[in-house]
């Protein structure tokens, strides 16, 4: 199995630093309320105006800050720290917060960007630095949005794109357990309501532009919420035929026909996020569960399909390293090197 190493971390950091401050191309999530709103992206988003879009910039920051903490001797640490000192400051955070207060902004980045912002704040809180304190008002604003949104979300969002609610709640739950206990309780309540009785999932995936597995993200979320024996029972009822290789779609890496097409390039992300989910589920089930070796092999197969393509075309390059980091860091024994050199 391939895990994270300092060499890989350095390469990921180099890749992401190259576009964290890159202003163009940039895809705005913007409703124009009047001509005064037709401004440069950096005027709307003083921090998160790089990496093609807002959410990719947010999780690019999460990625480099996490790598800096995991590998403090990494060559790019001084550059990461200097950029954080310049960008993650109260006045720029105030500018990001002001964007949320604009009319027609209630659905901005919901729920994917919300969750990544909270994940970034949670990572910053693990550092000895001023950055988490600076970002906290923005994190609290997005947490408040989750508090308001989850009770009125009657039906779960099961798609494999940015709207997937299970993926967002995996990230948000980790933050909430440290910073907002009522939100953690709300997440557990809503997730068990939506998913607790799911059985015999057909896993009709992937769609042609998906980067998340609806089935496996749901399973990973439930693994974070249920005691291990309860999760094992739920999981084997949810996907009862895994030991027979079904659904085959979950074991088969997606084919990416054109990595210059931003939507089709999502499928590399699907392979990486599936690897993360498979490894996470296997770690919870434990080595004695018959699904675990199948899950680990599926993770390896998905990693092999897309890890070599983290860099190469900007349509994937501006975000794929984050999902590669999720997959490489996850496992029974994370951070054990197997000498991977293909990134």
Protein backbone atom coordinates (compact mmCIF):
# COMPACT_ATOMS: atom_id res chain seq x y z
CA UNK A 1 0.00 0.00 0.00
CA UNK A 2 1.15 3.54 -0.77
CA UNK A 3 1.12 6.11 2.01
CA UNK A 4 2.23 9.68 2.47
CA UNK A 5 5.95 10.45 2.64
CA UNK A 6 7.88 13.70 3.02
CA UNK A 7 8.95 13.50 -0.61
CA UNK A 8 5.34 13.23 -1.76
CA UNK A 9 4.35 15.99 0.66
CA UNK A 10 6.98 18.31 -0.81
CA UNK A 11 5.73 17.65 -4.31
CA UNK A 12 2.13 18.27 -3.35
CA UNK A 13 3.08 21.49 -1.55
CA UNK A 14 5.06 22.73 -4.54
CA UNK A 15 2.15 22.01 -6.85
CA UNK A 16 -0.42 23.75 -4.68
CA UNK A 17 1.71 26.77 -3.84
CA UNK A 18 2.05 27.37 -7.56
CA UNK A 19 -1.66 28.13 -7.85
CA UNK A 20 -2.87 29.27 -4.41
CA UNK A 21 -2.26 32.88 -5.43
CA UNK A 22 -2.95 32.44 -9.15
CA UNK A 23 -5.79 34.82 -9.95
CA UNK A 24 -6.76 33.56 -13.39
CA UNK A 25 -8.50 31.56 -14.68
CA UNK A 26 -11.07 31.93 -11.91
CA UNK A 27 -14.68 30.72 -11.72
CA UNK A 28 -16.82 32.95 -9.53
CA UNK A 29 -19.84 31.82 -7.52
CA UNK A 30 -21.52 35.18 -7.76
CA UNK A 31 -25.05 36.57 -8.08
CA UNK A 32 -24.88 40.12 -9.40
CA UNK A 33 -27.17 42.32 -7.32
CA UNK A 34 -26.17 45.38 -9.30
CA UNK A 35 -23.38 46.79 -11.49
CA UNK A 36 -21.25 47.47 -8.42
CA UNK A 37 -20.79 43.69 -8.02
CA UNK A 38 -18.90 43.33 -11.33
CA UNK A 39 -15.47 43.47 -9.75
CA UNK A 40 -12.21 41.50 -9.73
CA UNK A 41 -12.36 38.16 -7.90
CA UNK A 42 -9.71 39.31 -5.41
CA UNK A 43 -11.92 42.26 -4.45
CA UNK A 44 -14.71 39.87 -3.49
CA UNK A 45 -12.38 37.25 -1.97
CA UNK A 46 -9.23 38.77 -0.44
CA UNK A 47 -7.92 35.31 0.58
CA UNK A 48 -9.58 32.66 -1.58
CA UNK A 49 -9.17 34.07 -5.08
CA UNK A 50 -6.71 31.52 -6.45
CA UNK A 51 -6.82 27.88 -7.53
CA UNK A 52 -9.58 28.38 -10.15
CA UNK A 53 -12.46 28.64 -7.66
CA UNK A 54 -13.21 29.49 -4.05
CA UNK A 55 -13.55 25.98 -2.64
CA UNK A 56 -10.40 24.70 -4.36
CA UNK A 57 -8.46 27.59 -2.88
CA UNK A 58 -9.85 26.81 0.57
CA UNK A 59 -8.90 23.15 0.47
CA UNK A 60 -5.56 24.03 -1.13
CA UNK A 61 -4.85 26.02 2.02
CA UNK A 62 -6.01 23.08 4.14
CA UNK A 63 -3.64 20.85 2.23
CA UNK A 64 -0.48 22.95 2.55
CA UNK A 65 -1.11 23.75 6.21
CA UNK A 66 -1.66 20.09 7.00
CA UNK A 67 1.50 19.09 5.15
CA UNK A 68 3.45 21.75 7.03
CA UNK A 69 2.27 20.31 10.35
CA UNK A 70 2.91 16.69 9.39
CA UNK A 71 6.34 17.40 7.89
CA UNK A 72 7.88 20.45 9.60
CA UNK A 73 11.23 19.76 7.92
CA UNK A 74 9.67 19.89 4.45
CA UNK A 75 11.47 22.24 2.06
CA UNK A 76 8.36 24.33 1.39
CA UNK A 77 7.53 25.08 5.03
CA UNK A 78 9.06 28.61 5.01
CA UNK A 79 7.08 29.54 1.90
CA UNK A 80 3.84 28.16 3.36
CA UNK A 81 4.35 30.00 6.64
CA UNK A 82 5.18 33.28 4.91
CA UNK A 83 2.08 33.07 2.74
CA UNK A 84 -0.11 32.22 5.73
CA UNK A 85 1.27 35.21 7.65
CA UNK A 86 0.44 37.43 4.68
CA UNK A 87 -3.01 36.08 3.81
CA UNK A 88 -4.67 34.52 6.89
CA UNK A 89 -5.12 37.81 8.72
CA UNK A 90 -8.17 39.49 10.28
CA UNK A 91 -8.70 42.24 7.71
CA UNK A 92 -8.73 39.78 4.80
CA UNK A 93 -11.01 37.44 6.73
CA UNK A 94 -13.36 40.38 7.25
CA UNK A 95 -13.50 40.81 3.49
CA UNK A 96 -14.44 37.15 3.04
CA UNK A 97 -17.07 37.48 5.75
CA UNK A 98 -18.55 40.56 4.08
CA UNK A 99 -19.18 38.49 0.96
CA UNK A 100 -21.42 36.16 2.97
CA UNK A 101 -23.55 39.10 4.07
CA UNK A 102 -24.41 40.12 0.51
CA UNK A 103 -27.99 39.59 -0.69
CA UNK A 104 -28.49 36.27 -2.50
CA UNK A 105 -25.49 34.65 -0.81
CA UNK A 106 -27.29 32.10 1.39
CA UNK A 107 -26.48 29.23 -0.97
CA UNK A 108 -22.88 30.29 -1.63
CA UNK A 109 -20.70 27.14 -1.65
CA UNK A 110 -23.32 25.05 0.16
CA UNK A 111 -22.37 22.54 1.52
CA UNK A 112 -18.97 21.65 0.00
CA UNK A 113 -17.19 24.95 0.51
CA UNK A 114 -18.72 25.35 3.95
CA UNK A 115 -17.27 22.03 5.04
CA UNK A 116 -13.82 22.71 3.62
CA UNK A 117 -13.65 26.08 5.35
CA UNK A 118 -14.39 24.38 8.66
CA UNK A 119 -11.78 21.72 7.90
CA UNK A 120 -9.26 24.48 7.21
CA UNK A 121 -10.06 26.20 10.51
CA UNK A 122 -9.77 22.88 12.32
CA UNK A 123 -6.34 22.32 10.79
CA UNK A 124 -5.19 25.84 11.66
CA UNK A 125 -6.26 25.25 15.27
CA UNK A 126 -3.62 22.51 15.47
CA UNK A 127 -0.84 24.98 14.68
CA UNK A 128 1.08 27.29 16.97
CA UNK A 129 0.19 30.45 15.12
CA UNK A 130 -2.38 33.27 14.87
CA UNK A 131 -4.16 31.87 11.83
CA UNK A 132 -7.00 29.93 13.48
CA UNK A 133 -7.96 32.92 15.60
CA UNK A 134 -8.03 35.12 12.50
CA UNK A 135 -10.21 32.68 10.56
CA UNK A 136 -12.59 31.86 13.41
CA UNK A 137 -15.27 34.46 12.58
CA UNK A 138 -15.62 32.97 9.10
CA UNK A 139 -15.72 29.43 10.50
CA UNK A 140 -18.43 30.40 12.97
CA UNK A 141 -20.45 31.97 10.18
CA UNK A 142 -20.40 28.75 8.16
CA UNK A 143 -21.17 26.68 11.26
CA UNK A 144 -24.22 28.87 11.82
CA UNK A 145 -25.28 28.14 8.25
CA UNK A 146 -25.06 24.40 8.90
CA UNK A 147 -27.16 24.84 12.05
CA UNK A 148 -29.84 26.57 9.99
CA UNK A 149 -29.63 24.34 6.91
CA UNK A 150 -29.52 20.78 8.22
CA UNK A 151 -32.90 20.79 10.02
CA UNK A 152 -34.69 21.97 6.86
CA UNK A 153 -32.92 19.59 4.48
CA UNK A 154 -35.77 17.10 4.22
CA UNK A 155 -34.00 14.74 1.83
CA UNK A 156 -30.27 13.94 1.74
CA UNK A 157 -28.20 15.05 -1.23
CA UNK A 158 -26.83 11.78 -2.62
CA UNK A 159 -25.10 13.07 -5.76
CA UNK A 160 -21.39 12.57 -6.48
CA UNK A 161 -20.57 16.24 -6.95
CA UNK A 162 -20.12 19.27 -4.67
CA UNK A 163 -23.63 18.99 -3.25
CA UNK A 164 -23.09 15.58 -1.62
CA UNK A 165 -24.15 15.98 1.98
CA UNK A 166 -22.36 12.93 3.40
CA UNK A 167 -18.95 14.16 2.26
CA UNK A 168 -19.60 17.62 3.70
CA UNK A 169 -20.67 16.15 7.02
CA UNK A 170 -17.56 13.94 7.29
CA UNK A 171 -15.42 17.08 7.26
CA UNK A 172 -17.80 19.13 9.37
CA UNK A 173 -18.20 16.45 12.03
CA UNK A 174 -14.47 16.40 12.69
CA UNK A 175 -14.48 20.16 13.18
CA UNK A 176 -17.66 20.19 15.24
CA UNK A 177 -16.43 17.59 17.71
CA UNK A 178 -13.66 19.99 18.70
CA UNK A 179 -15.40 23.34 18.27
CA UNK A 180 -19.21 23.02 18.31
CA UNK A 181 -20.71 20.10 20.22
CA UNK A 182 -24.34 21.00 19.37
CA UNK A 183 -23.49 20.90 15.67
CA UNK A 184 -21.86 17.49 16.09
CA UNK A 185 -25.06 16.24 17.75
CA UNK A 186 -27.17 17.73 14.97
CA UNK A 187 -25.04 16.04 12.32
CA UNK A 188 -25.43 12.68 14.04
CA UNK A 189 -29.19 13.13 14.34
CA UNK A 190 -29.70 14.12 10.70
CA UNK A 191 -27.32 11.51 9.26
CA UNK A 192 -28.92 8.67 11.19
CA UNK A 193 -32.34 9.92 10.11
CA UNK A 194 -31.34 10.00 6.44
CA UNK A 195 -29.10 6.96 6.22
CA UNK A 196 -29.71 4.72 9.21
CA UNK A 197 -32.19 2.41 7.46
CA UNK A 198 -30.47 2.27 4.06
CA UNK A 199 -30.16 -1.27 2.77
CA UNK A 200 -28.94 -3.07 -0.38
CA UNK A 201 -27.37 -0.08 -2.09
CA UNK A 202 -27.14 -0.60 -5.86
CA UNK A 203 -24.30 1.91 -6.31
CA UNK A 204 -25.31 3.05 -9.76
CA UNK A 205 -22.22 5.18 -10.15
CA UNK A 206 -20.28 6.98 -11.32
CA UNK A 207 -22.00 9.70 -13.22
CA UNK A 208 -19.90 11.23 -15.96
CA UNK A 209 -18.67 14.19 -13.91
CA UNK A 210 -18.66 12.85 -10.35
CA UNK A 211 -15.67 13.06 -8.01
CA UNK A 212 -17.35 11.51 -4.98
CA UNK A 213 -18.94 8.11 -4.48
CA UNK A 214 -22.40 8.58 -2.98
CA UNK A 215 -22.32 5.03 -1.60
CA UNK A 216 -18.84 5.11 -0.09
CA UNK A 217 -19.12 8.64 1.31
CA UNK A 218 -22.30 7.60 3.08
CA UNK A 219 -20.52 4.54 4.46
CA UNK A 220 -17.52 6.55 5.65
CA UNK A 221 -19.79 9.04 7.41
CA UNK A 222 -21.65 6.24 9.17
CA UNK A 223 -18.33 4.73 10.22
CA UNK A 224 -17.58 8.00 12.03
CA UNK A 225 -20.93 8.04 13.81
CA UNK A 226 -21.68 4.46 14.88
CA UNK A 227 -19.85 2.22 17.35
CA UNK A 228 -17.78 -0.31 15.42
CA UNK A 229 -20.09 -3.34 15.91
CA UNK A 230 -23.12 -1.27 14.93
CA UNK A 231 -21.33 0.13 11.92
CA UNK A 232 -20.29 -3.34 10.77
CA UNK A 233 -23.91 -4.51 10.96
CA UNK A 234 -25.15 -1.44 9.12
CA UNK A 235 -22.43 -1.67 6.46
CA UNK A 236 -23.01 -5.32 5.65
CA UNK A 237 -26.72 -4.63 5.24
CA UNK A 238 -26.02 -1.53 3.16
CA UNK A 239 -23.65 -3.35 0.77
CA UNK A 240 -24.47 -7.03 1.36
CA UNK A 241 -22.73 -8.53 -1.69
CA UNK A 242 -19.24 -7.04 -1.47
CA UNK A 243 -17.55 -10.37 -0.78
CA UNK A 244 -18.98 -11.56 -4.10
CA UNK A 245 -17.54 -8.53 -5.90
CA UNK A 246 -20.83 -6.67 -6.18
CA UNK A 247 -21.59 -3.91 -6.94
CA UNK A 248 -18.72 -4.18 -9.41
CA UNK A 249 -18.84 -0.44 -10.00
CA UNK A 250 -17.38 0.22 -6.55
CA UNK A 251 -14.35 -1.97 -7.25
CA UNK A 252 -13.66 -0.58 -10.72
CA UNK A 253 -11.64 2.63 -11.12
CA UNK A 254 -13.25 5.21 -13.36
CA UNK A 255 -11.85 5.77 -16.85
CA UNK A 256 -10.83 9.38 -17.53
CA UNK A 257 -11.07 10.01 -21.25
CA UNK A 258 -9.96 13.68 -21.34
CA UNK A 259 -8.07 15.29 -18.48
CA UNK A 260 -8.26 18.73 -20.10
CA UNK A 261 -12.06 18.65 -19.70
CA UNK A 262 -12.74 19.98 -16.22
CA UNK A 263 -15.87 17.90 -15.66
CA UNK A 264 -14.45 14.64 -17.01
CA UNK A 265 -11.30 15.26 -14.95
CA UNK A 266 -13.56 14.96 -11.90
CA UNK A 267 -13.30 11.21 -12.36
CA UNK A 268 -9.66 11.24 -11.22
CA UNK A 269 -10.97 12.78 -8.03
CA UNK A 270 -13.52 9.99 -7.78
CA UNK A 271 -10.76 7.41 -7.87
CA UNK A 272 -8.81 9.23 -5.17
CA UNK A 273 -11.81 9.87 -2.93
CA UNK A 274 -12.93 6.24 -3.29
CA UNK A 275 -9.46 5.15 -2.16
CA UNK A 276 -9.87 7.38 0.89
CA UNK A 277 -13.30 5.92 1.66
CA UNK A 278 -12.26 2.30 1.11
CA UNK A 279 -9.24 2.71 3.38
CA UNK A 280 -11.30 4.47 6.04
CA UNK A 281 -13.99 1.80 6.05
CA UNK A 282 -11.42 -1.01 6.16
CA UNK A 283 -9.67 0.61 9.12
CA UNK A 284 -12.93 0.69 11.09
CA UNK A 285 -14.02 -2.83 10.15
CA UNK A 286 -10.66 -4.27 11.15
CA UNK A 287 -8.54 -7.00 9.63
CA UNK A 288 -10.88 -9.84 10.66
CA UNK A 289 -13.76 -8.58 8.54
CA UNK A 290 -13.93 -10.37 5.17
CA UNK A 291 -14.53 -7.09 3.35
CA UNK A 292 -11.35 -5.42 4.63
CA UNK A 293 -8.82 -7.04 2.25
CA UNK A 294 -11.15 -6.38 -0.67
CA UNK A 295 -11.50 -2.77 0.41
CA UNK A 296 -7.74 -2.30 0.68
CA UNK A 297 -7.18 -3.80 -2.75
CA UNK A 298 -9.90 -1.59 -4.23
CA UNK A 299 -8.20 1.43 -2.64
CA UNK A 300 -4.85 0.45 -4.14
CA UNK A 301 -6.42 -0.05 -7.57
CA UNK A 302 -8.10 3.35 -7.48
CA UNK A 303 -4.92 5.06 -6.32
CA UNK A 304 -2.90 3.43 -9.08
CA UNK A 305 -5.38 4.69 -11.66
CA UNK A 306 -5.22 8.37 -10.75
CA UNK A 307 -2.26 9.15 -8.47
CA UNK A 308 0.06 9.57 -11.49
CA UNK A 309 -2.31 12.23 -12.88
CA UNK A 310 -2.43 14.66 -9.95
CA UNK A 311 -0.30 17.01 -12.06
CA UNK A 312 -0.35 17.55 -15.80
CA UNK A 313 -3.39 19.65 -16.70
CA UNK A 314 -4.69 22.60 -14.72
CA UNK A 315 -8.24 21.26 -14.75
CA UNK A 316 -7.11 18.57 -12.32
CA UNK A 317 -3.94 20.14 -11.05
CA UNK A 318 -5.72 22.90 -9.14
CA UNK A 319 -7.44 20.44 -6.77
CA UNK A 320 -6.52 16.76 -7.12
CA UNK A 321 -3.58 16.83 -4.70
CA UNK A 322 -6.01 17.52 -1.86
CA UNK A 323 -7.91 14.32 -2.56
CA UNK A 324 -4.67 12.42 -3.04
CA UNK A 325 -3.65 13.61 0.42
CA UNK A 326 -6.90 12.37 1.94
CA UNK A 327 -6.32 8.94 0.41
CA UNK A 328 -2.61 8.66 1.21
CA UNK A 329 -3.00 9.78 4.80
CA UNK A 330 -5.85 7.37 5.50
CA UNK A 331 -5.22 3.77 6.47
CA UNK A 332 -4.42 1.33 9.22
CA UNK A 333 -0.82 2.54 9.42
CA UNK A 334 -0.68 5.96 7.81
CA UNK A 335 2.54 7.57 6.65
CA UNK A 336 4.42 4.32 6.03
CA UNK A 337 6.51 4.74 2.90
CA UNK A 338 6.47 2.17 0.15
CA UNK A 339 8.87 4.12 -2.01
CA UNK A 340 6.24 5.65 -4.29
CA UNK A 341 7.92 7.67 -7.02
CA UNK A 342 5.17 8.09 -9.59
CA UNK A 343 3.74 11.45 -8.52
